[in-house]
Amino acid sequence: MGDFIDFVYNSDLIYIIRLIIAIICGFIIGMERETKNKDAGTRTHGVVALGSCLCMILSEYGFQEYNSVDPTRIAAQVVSGIGFIGAGIIFVRRDNNISGLTTAAGVWATAIIAMTIGTGMILLGIAGTLLVVILQWSLGKLKYKFNFSNEERVHLTTTNKLFNLENLIQYLEKLNIHIVYLESEKINMSETDIEVLITYPENFDKWSMYDKLKEIDGIKNIRM
């Protein structure tokens, strides 16, 4: 057993193990985002974790024979470069509200966690993963629990052949939900994105509305 452990630590296998752990951590963070129908999900977080971990391993161990090379330069570029992905996730909506900040921060944190694992601090990376998931999940719950605003933004992806906008409007009216504005944008020949800003009555269970919206023909995806 001892010989096997020595073999693992003295070969490239230890780096592969770090990569796998980093991907798993990225996958876990991305899975939490996917449950909330965010654009950056398991694949994005997993690839970011893989690339960041690989860059960190390369930075720390790939240039050991070159004494004049700064081994931290690649790692520094990962930290700044991940900002380009984050910038693509964050965008300002038509009502001037900013969306995607939490997901972008999660992608950035995923990169840092993967870099931590790449240096060999695996336990610290796993702890960071758990803390990120706990923060994103629990604080989101608290936000909805103590949110006193009766305003909600709903994003729908619909199938053009099956969806009837009038059915959606009639359903919302039955629930005494007021539509502040509604905008649609055609994605392709078969799908359309619809953004609806609504206000609902006090003590209204918006999650029951979410379940009912899924029953309307032609609604493919819902984000709230």
Foldseek 3Di string as FASTA:
>chain_A
DVVVVVVCVVDCVVLVVLLVLLLVLLQLLQCLVVVQVAPRHSVNSSVLLNVLLVQLLCLVPVCVVPPVDRSCPSNVCSLVVLVVVQVVQWDADPVRDIPRNLVSVSSSLSSVLSSCSSVPVSVVSNVSSVVSSCCVPVVVVVCVVPPPFQKDKKKWKFFVVKDDVVVVVVVCVVQVKAWPDKDKDAPDPTIIMIITIIGHDPPDDVVVVVVVVVVRIGTDDMHD
